[in-house]
């Protein structure tokens, strides 16, 4: 990667930043940060749910009779369905709107998680995959929304 960056950015990051800064014009007015703060709060809660699931669910699956390898495989499938969700979510949000999709995606994850908790076997696994799909589908959309809300601070919005 170091060699690739030396070829792509021969003057270093500072030279790329100077060229980028020279091309930008100062904004006429400063947009409100409130929508971004709301988006950030939603993203924090989503991350909390994802990491709680990744921490808690393997042991829960083991307690439900799955061996550790099977539980890990189910979690891997949940994460892979989340990757598919990110791709689908980006496409759907382009068509119906980012805010609408964020609300739908995050709210849609809740019934699937509840279904996972009250069922067992294949229906529970399918519900968990749908939970991962819905929850992760909002990730790329949140990044895109952040870029739209803070066009002058794309690095902050991406973070």
C-alpha atoms as a PDB file:
ATOM      1  CA  UNK A   1       0.000   0.000   0.000  1.00  0.00           C
ATOM      2  CA  UNK A   2       2.890   2.344   0.730  1.00  0.00           C
ATOM      3  CA  UNK A   3       4.176   1.942  -2.835  1.00  0.00           C
ATOM      4  CA  UNK A   4       0.702   2.438  -4.294  1.00  0.00           C
ATOM      5  CA  UNK A   5       0.264   5.644  -2.304  1.00  0.00           C
ATOM      6  CA  UNK A   6       3.673   6.925  -3.434  1.00  0.00           C
ATOM      7  CA  UNK A   7       2.551   6.445  -7.047  1.00  0.00           C
ATOM      8  CA  UNK A   8      -0.968   7.849  -6.532  1.00  0.00           C
ATOM      9  CA  UNK A   9       0.123  10.756  -4.298  1.00  0.00           C
ATOM     10  CA  UNK A  10       3.698  11.586  -5.341  1.00  0.00           C
ATOM     11  CA  UNK A  11       3.714  14.864  -3.397  1.00  0.00           C
ATOM     12  CA  UNK A  12       2.227  13.249  -0.313  1.00  0.00           C
ATOM     13  CA  UNK A  13      -1.021  13.913   1.451  1.00  0.00           C
ATOM     14  CA  UNK A  14      -0.177  17.567   2.072  1.00  0.00           C
ATOM     15  CA  UNK A  15       0.135  18.258  -1.678  1.00  0.00           C
ATOM     16  CA  UNK A  16      -3.159  16.488  -2.361  1.00  0.00           C
ATOM     17  CA  UNK A  17      -4.816  18.478   0.424  1.00  0.00           C
ATOM     18  CA  UNK A  18      -3.481  21.787  -0.959  1.00  0.00           C
ATOM     19  CA  UNK A  19      -4.762  20.955  -4.442  1.00  0.00           C
ATOM     20  CA  UNK A  20      -8.147  19.980  -3.012  1.00  0.00           C
ATOM     21  CA  UNK A  21      -8.365  23.092  -0.820  1.00  0.00           C
ATOM     22  CA  UNK A  22      -7.494  25.373  -3.741  1.00  0.00           C
ATOM     23  CA  UNK A  23     -10.282  23.862  -5.843  1.00  0.00           C
ATOM     24  CA  UNK A  24     -12.956  24.410  -3.169  1.00  0.00           C
ATOM     25  CA  UNK A  25     -14.816  27.658  -2.741  1.00  0.00           C
ATOM     26  CA  UNK A  26     -15.871  28.796   0.725  1.00  0.00           C
ATOM     27  CA  UNK A  27     -19.533  28.034   1.484  1.00  0.00           C
ATOM     28  CA  UNK A  28     -22.000  30.911   1.259  1.00  0.00           C
ATOM     29  CA  UNK A  29     -23.770  29.843   4.435  1.00  0.00           C
ATOM     30  CA  UNK A  30     -23.026  27.313   7.151  1.00  0.00           C
ATOM     31  CA  UNK A  31     -25.637  24.522   7.306  1.00  0.00           C
ATOM     32  CA  UNK A  32     -27.151  23.474  10.626  1.00  0.00           C
ATOM     33  CA  UNK A  33     -25.327  20.658  12.414  1.00  0.00           C
ATOM     34  CA  UNK A  34     -28.523  19.405  14.111  1.00  0.00           C
ATOM     35  CA  UNK A  35     -29.474  16.869  11.376  1.00  0.00           C
ATOM     36  CA  UNK A  36     -25.930  15.481  11.464  1.00  0.00           C
ATOM     37  CA  UNK A  37     -26.052  15.150  15.250  1.00  0.00           C
ATOM     38  CA  UNK A  38     -29.319  13.204  14.972  1.00  0.00           C
ATOM     39  CA  UNK A  39     -27.771  10.961  12.298  1.00  0.00           C
ATOM     40  CA  UNK A  40     -24.706  10.443  14.493  1.00  0.00           C
ATOM     41  CA  UNK A  41     -26.887   9.469  17.467  1.00  0.00           C
ATOM     42  CA  UNK A  42     -28.760   6.939  15.310  1.00  0.00           C
ATOM     43  CA  UNK A  43     -25.443   5.559  14.039  1.00  0.00           C
ATOM     44  CA  UNK A  44     -24.119   5.203  17.580  1.00  0.00           C
ATOM     45  CA  UNK A  45     -27.224   3.288  18.648  1.00  0.00           C
ATOM     46  CA  UNK A  46     -26.983   1.079  15.542  1.00  0.00           C
ATOM     47  CA  UNK A  47     -23.314   0.331  16.294  1.00  0.00           C
ATOM     48  CA  UNK A  48     -24.236  -0.494  19.883  1.00  0.00           C
ATOM     49  CA  UNK A  49     -26.874  -2.963  18.653  1.00  0.00           C
ATOM     50  CA  UNK A  50     -24.464  -4.547  16.169  1.00  0.00           C
ATOM     51  CA  UNK A  51     -21.633  -5.019  18.644  1.00  0.00           C
ATOM     52  CA  UNK A  52     -23.992  -6.209  21.355  1.00  0.00           C
ATOM     53  CA  UNK A  53     -25.346  -8.795  18.917  1.00  0.00           C
ATOM     54  CA  UNK A  54     -21.851  -9.894  17.899  1.00  0.00           C
ATOM     55  CA  UNK A  55     -20.869 -10.275  21.533  1.00  0.00           C
ATOM     56  CA  UNK A  56     -24.030 -11.800  22.963  1.00  0.00           C
ATOM     57  CA  UNK A  57     -25.534 -13.927  20.196  1.00  0.00           C
ATOM     58  CA  UNK A  58     -22.820 -16.581  19.800  1.00  0.00           C
ATOM     59  CA  UNK A  59     -23.152 -17.547  23.462  1.00  0.00           C
ATOM     60  CA  UNK A  60     -26.936 -17.352  23.208  1.00  0.00           C
ATOM     61  CA  UNK A  61     -26.839 -19.736  20.239  1.00  0.00           C
ATOM     62  CA  UNK A  62     -24.598 -22.110  22.193  1.00  0.00           C
ATOM     63  CA  UNK A  63     -27.076 -22.003  25.083  1.00  0.00           C
ATOM     64  CA  UNK A  64     -29.805 -22.912  22.585  1.00  0.00           C
ATOM     65  CA  UNK A  65     -27.982 -26.123  21.659  1.00  0.00           C
ATOM     66  CA  UNK A  66     -25.742 -25.078  18.771  1.00  0.00           C
ATOM     67  CA  UNK A  67     -22.072 -25.972  18.992  1.00  0.00           C
ATOM     68  CA  UNK A  68     -19.589 -23.095  18.939  1.00  0.00           C
ATOM     69  CA  UNK A  69     -18.574 -23.683  15.315  1.00  0.00           C
ATOM     70  CA  UNK A  70     -22.201 -23.644  14.152  1.00  0.00           C
ATOM     71  CA  UNK A  71     -22.895 -20.512  16.207  1.00  0.00           C
ATOM     72  CA  UNK A  72     -19.873 -18.791  14.663  1.00  0.00           C
ATOM     73  CA  UNK A  73     -20.991 -19.855  11.190  1.00  0.00           C
ATOM     74  CA  UNK A  74     -24.470 -18.426  11.808  1.00  0.00           C
ATOM     75  CA  UNK A  75     -22.915 -15.139  12.926  1.00  0.00           C
ATOM     76  CA  UNK A  76     -20.751 -15.105   9.791  1.00  0.00           C
ATOM     77  CA  UNK A  77     -23.869 -15.598   7.679  1.00  0.00           C
ATOM     78  CA  UNK A  78     -25.531 -12.734   9.555  1.00  0.00           C
ATOM     79  CA  UNK A  79     -22.592 -10.470   8.719  1.00  0.00           C
ATOM     80  CA  UNK A  80     -22.620 -11.576   5.071  1.00  0.00           C
ATOM     81  CA  UNK A  81     -26.331 -10.817   4.860  1.00  0.00           C
ATOM     82  CA  UNK A  82     -25.412  -7.406   6.275  1.00  0.00           C
ATOM     83  CA  UNK A  83     -22.992  -6.852   3.392  1.00  0.00           C
ATOM     84  CA  UNK A  84     -25.775  -7.705   0.966  1.00  0.00           C
ATOM     85  CA  UNK A  85     -27.968  -5.312   2.939  1.00  0.00           C
ATOM     86  CA  UNK A  86     -25.497  -2.474   2.472  1.00  0.00           C
ATOM     87  CA  UNK A  87     -25.532  -2.928  -1.281  1.00  0.00           C
ATOM     88  CA  UNK A  88     -29.309  -3.260  -1.432  1.00  0.00           C
ATOM     89  CA  UNK A  89     -29.772  -0.402   1.028  1.00  0.00           C
ATOM     90  CA  UNK A  90     -27.716   1.973  -1.078  1.00  0.00           C
ATOM     91  CA  UNK A  91     -29.745   1.094  -4.138  1.00  0.00           C
ATOM     92  CA  UNK A  92     -33.087   1.388  -2.352  1.00  0.00           C
ATOM     93  CA  UNK A  93     -32.152   4.690  -0.698  1.00  0.00           C
ATOM     94  CA  UNK A  94     -31.225   6.146  -4.086  1.00  0.00           C
ATOM     95  CA  UNK A  95     -34.731   5.371  -5.263  1.00  0.00           C
ATOM     96  CA  UNK A  96     -36.890   6.175  -2.216  1.00  0.00           C
ATOM     97  CA  UNK A  97     -34.790   8.584  -0.177  1.00  0.00           C
ATOM     98  CA  UNK A  98     -32.075   8.208   2.413  1.00  0.00           C
ATOM     99  CA  UNK A  99     -34.010   9.416   5.448  1.00  0.00           C
ATOM    100  CA  UNK A 100     -36.989   7.214   4.643  1.00  0.00           C
ATOM    101  CA  UNK A 101     -34.745   4.207   4.158  1.00  0.00           C
ATOM    102  CA  UNK A 102     -32.851   4.839   7.401  1.00  0.00           C
ATOM    103  CA  UNK A 103     -36.095   4.905   9.368  1.00  0.00           C
ATOM    104  CA  UNK A 104     -37.464   1.848   7.551  1.00  0.00           C
ATOM    105  CA  UNK A 105     -34.222  -0.131   7.850  1.00  0.00           C
ATOM    106  CA  UNK A 106     -33.649   0.523  11.543  1.00  0.00           C
ATOM    107  CA  UNK A 107     -37.301  -0.029  12.447  1.00  0.00           C
ATOM    108  CA  UNK A 108     -37.395  -3.125  10.249  1.00  0.00           C
ATOM    109  CA  UNK A 109     -34.592  -4.771  12.213  1.00  0.00           C
ATOM    110  CA  UNK A 110     -36.621  -4.796  15.445  1.00  0.00           C
ATOM    111  CA  UNK A 111     -39.328  -7.330  14.466  1.00  0.00           C
ATOM    112  CA  UNK A 112     -36.721  -9.677  12.989  1.00  0.00           C
ATOM    113  CA  UNK A 113     -34.741  -9.631  16.225  1.00  0.00           C
ATOM    114  CA  UNK A 114     -37.916 -10.282  18.234  1.00  0.00           C
ATOM    115  CA  UNK A 115     -38.792 -13.137  15.877  1.00  0.00           C
ATOM    116  CA  UNK A 116     -35.309 -14.561  16.354  1.00  0.00           C
ATOM    117  CA  UNK A 117     -35.741 -14.491  20.124  1.00  0.00           C
ATOM    118  CA  UNK A 118     -39.146 -16.242  20.154  1.00  0.00           C
ATOM    119  CA  UNK A 119     -38.453 -18.947  17.551  1.00  0.00           C
ATOM    120  CA  UNK A 120     -35.916 -21.712  17.146  1.00  0.00           C
ATOM    121  CA  UNK A 121     -34.323 -23.701  14.375  1.00  0.00           C
ATOM    122  CA  UNK A 122     -34.390 -22.523  10.776  1.00  0.00           C
ATOM    123  CA  UNK A 123     -36.990 -19.739  11.342  1.00  0.00           C
ATOM    124  CA  UNK A 124     -34.758 -18.232  14.042  1.00  0.00           C
ATOM    125  CA  UNK A 125     -31.696 -18.368  11.799  1.00  0.00           C
ATOM    126  CA  UNK A 126     -33.584 -16.774   8.898  1.00  0.00           C
ATOM    127  CA  UNK A 127     -34.874 -14.055  11.237  1.00  0.00           C
ATOM    128  CA  UNK A 128     -31.307 -13.403  12.399  1.00  0.00           C
ATOM    129  CA  UNK A 129     -30.125 -13.092   8.798  1.00  0.00           C
ATOM    130  CA  UNK A 130     -32.921 -10.609   8.086  1.00  0.00           C
ATOM    131  CA  UNK A 131     -32.001  -8.721  11.261  1.00  0.00           C
ATOM    132  CA  UNK A 132     -28.404  -8.415  10.052  1.00  0.00           C
ATOM    133  CA  UNK A 133     -29.573  -7.413   6.574  1.00  0.00           C
ATOM    134  CA  UNK A 134     -31.786  -4.593   7.896  1.00  0.00           C
ATOM    135  CA  UNK A 135     -29.371  -3.313  10.501  1.00  0.00           C
ATOM    136  CA  UNK A 136     -26.295  -3.227   8.269  1.00  0.00           C
ATOM    137  CA  UNK A 137     -28.275  -1.911   5.268  1.00  0.00           C
ATOM    138  CA  UNK A 138     -28.358   1.475   6.945  1.00  0.00           C
ATOM    139  CA  UNK A 139     -24.571   1.745   7.338  1.00  0.00           C
ATOM    140  CA  UNK A 140     -23.594   2.914   3.841  1.00  0.00           C
ATOM    141  CA  UNK A 141     -26.709   5.071   3.663  1.00  0.00           C
ATOM    142  CA  UNK A 142     -25.709   6.828   6.906  1.00  0.00           C
ATOM    143  CA  UNK A 143     -22.265   7.573   5.463  1.00  0.00           C
ATOM    144  CA  UNK A 144     -23.844   8.984   2.288  1.00  0.00           C
ATOM    145  CA  UNK A 145     -26.229  11.097   4.380  1.00  0.00           C
ATOM    146  CA  UNK A 146     -23.320  12.372   6.437  1.00  0.00           C
ATOM    147  CA  UNK A 147     -21.528  13.457   3.265  1.00  0.00           C
ATOM    148  CA  UNK A 148     -24.644  15.265   2.082  1.00  0.00           C
ATOM    149  CA  UNK A 149     -25.179  16.964   5.446  1.00  0.00           C
ATOM    150  CA  UNK A 150     -21.546  18.056   5.883  1.00  0.00           C
ATOM    151  CA  UNK A 151     -20.118  18.535   2.390  1.00  0.00           C
ATOM    152  CA  UNK A 152     -17.272  20.707   3.722  1.00  0.00           C
ATOM    153  CA  UNK A 153     -16.323  18.093   6.367  1.00  0.00           C
ATOM    154  CA  UNK A 154     -16.388  14.815   4.461  1.00  0.00           C
ATOM    155  CA  UNK A 155     -13.758  13.265   6.747  1.00  0.00           C
ATOM    156  CA  UNK A 156     -15.846  13.986   9.845  1.00  0.00           C
ATOM    157  CA  UNK A 157     -19.001  12.805   8.094  1.00  0.00           C
ATOM    158  CA  UNK A 158     -17.316   9.545   7.068  1.00  0.00           C
ATOM    159  CA  UNK A 159     -16.126   8.908  10.615  1.00  0.00           C
END
